[in-house]
Amino acid sequence: MASLVVAFIVLSVLADRSAPQRIVTGTIRACEAGEWLSVATYRTDPKGFPIALRETTAYEGSPTAIKTGARVTIWYRSVGERRFVADKVRVLADAAPH
């Protein structure tokens, strides 16, 4: 029984690493710090689509800048979970003058 559990864990880790990575740039519509965010592009509905954040997610820029309305580029994968999973999040500088 223990060998089946170990085999399942090993296969799950390998599957996570082999999933193709995708990239999206858009605006954060909703988020929960350190847990998930919803990013919308001109191709998605106004609510966007949810992406999970994990402890292994890398950040370019300050993670505290990740909030509703921020522009971001996200590298993510589909690993068989309810949400896509982010590998890296880059917070983009706001192009609009204030």
Protein backbone atom coordinates (compact mmCIF):
# COMPACT_ATOMS: atom_id res chain seq x y z
CA MET A 1 0.00 0.00 0.00
CA ALA A 2 2.78 2.43 0.88
CA SER A 3 4.46 1.81 -2.47
CA LEU A 4 1.24 2.80 -4.26
CA VAL A 5 1.11 6.07 -2.34
CA VAL A 6 4.75 6.84 -3.14
CA ALA A 7 4.22 5.98 -6.83
CA PHE A 8 1.18 8.27 -6.96
CA ILE A 9 3.12 11.17 -5.42
CA VAL A 10 6.06 10.71 -7.80
CA LEU A 11 3.78 10.58 -10.84
CA SER A 12 1.90 13.68 -9.65
CA VAL A 13 5.13 15.65 -9.27
CA LEU A 14 6.32 14.57 -12.71
CA ALA A 15 2.98 15.50 -14.26
CA ASP A 16 3.09 18.97 -12.67
CA ARG A 17 6.54 19.62 -14.14
CA SER A 18 5.68 18.36 -17.61
CA ALA A 19 2.49 20.44 -18.02
CA PRO A 20 2.96 23.09 -20.73
CA GLN A 21 3.45 26.61 -19.43
CA ARG A 22 1.27 29.44 -20.72
CA ILE A 23 1.58 33.20 -20.37
CA VAL A 24 -1.16 35.80 -19.93
CA THR A 25 -1.01 39.58 -19.48
CA GLY A 26 -4.04 41.32 -18.06
CA THR A 27 -5.66 43.17 -15.19
CA ILE A 28 -6.38 41.69 -11.78
CA ARG A 29 -10.14 41.73 -11.17
CA ALA A 30 -10.14 40.02 -7.75
CA CYS A 31 -7.56 38.45 -5.47
CA GLU A 32 -6.85 36.91 -2.10
CA ALA A 33 -3.28 37.61 -0.99
CA GLY A 34 -1.04 34.59 -1.39
CA GLU A 35 -3.95 32.33 -2.38
CA TRP A 36 -5.34 33.21 -5.83
CA LEU A 37 -6.08 35.99 -8.26
CA SER A 38 -8.44 36.47 -11.18
CA VAL A 39 -6.92 38.06 -14.29
CA ALA A 40 -8.93 39.49 -17.18
CA THR A 41 -7.77 40.24 -20.72
CA TYR A 42 -9.65 41.60 -23.70
CA ARG A 43 -10.40 37.95 -24.62
CA THR A 44 -11.95 36.91 -21.30
CA ASP A 45 -15.14 37.98 -19.64
CA PRO A 46 -14.90 40.97 -17.27
CA LYS A 47 -14.48 38.68 -14.23
CA GLY A 48 -11.38 37.04 -15.73
CA PHE A 49 -10.21 33.57 -14.87
CA PRO A 50 -8.80 32.35 -11.54
CA ILE A 51 -5.15 31.37 -11.04
CA ALA A 52 -3.88 29.82 -7.81
CA LEU A 53 -0.77 31.14 -6.09
CA ARG A 54 1.47 28.78 -4.14
CA GLU A 55 4.48 29.13 -1.88
CA THR A 56 6.62 28.25 -4.91
CA THR A 57 5.25 31.10 -7.05
CA ALA A 58 8.04 33.50 -8.03
CA TYR A 59 7.37 37.24 -8.03
CA GLU A 60 8.98 40.01 -10.07
CA GLY A 61 8.17 43.16 -8.19
CA SER A 62 6.56 43.38 -4.80
CA PRO A 63 3.89 40.78 -3.97
CA THR A 64 2.10 43.57 -2.05
CA ALA A 65 1.51 45.32 -5.41
CA ILE A 66 -0.76 42.44 -6.42
CA LYS A 67 -4.19 43.95 -5.93
CA THR A 68 -7.37 44.66 -7.86
CA GLY A 69 -6.65 46.84 -10.90
CA ALA A 70 -2.93 46.00 -11.15
CA ARG A 71 -1.56 44.94 -14.56
CA VAL A 72 0.35 41.67 -14.45
CA THR A 73 1.98 39.05 -16.62
CA ILE A 74 1.55 35.51 -15.29
CA TRP A 75 3.29 32.29 -16.31
CA TYR A 76 0.92 29.47 -15.38
CA ARG A 77 0.12 25.79 -15.90
CA SER A 78 -2.89 23.53 -15.81
CA VAL A 79 -2.01 20.73 -13.42
CA GLY A 80 -5.37 19.03 -13.01
CA GLU A 81 -6.58 21.24 -10.17
CA ARG A 82 -9.67 23.42 -9.98
CA ARG A 83 -7.64 26.50 -10.93
CA PHE A 84 -4.60 27.09 -13.09
CA VAL A 85 -1.41 27.38 -10.99
CA ALA A 86 0.99 30.34 -11.30
CA ASP A 87 4.72 29.68 -11.71
CA LYS A 88 5.68 33.36 -11.86
CA VAL A 89 3.89 36.71 -11.52
CA ARG A 90 5.32 39.99 -12.84
CA VAL A 91 3.66 43.23 -11.76
CA LEU A 92 3.77 45.69 -14.67
CA ALA A 93 4.33 49.43 -14.30
CA ASP A 94 1.12 51.39 -14.81
CA ALA A 95 1.32 53.11 -18.22
CA ALA A 96 -1.48 55.58 -17.48
CA PRO A 97 -0.49 59.01 -16.11
CA HIS A 98 -1.86 59.89 -12.64
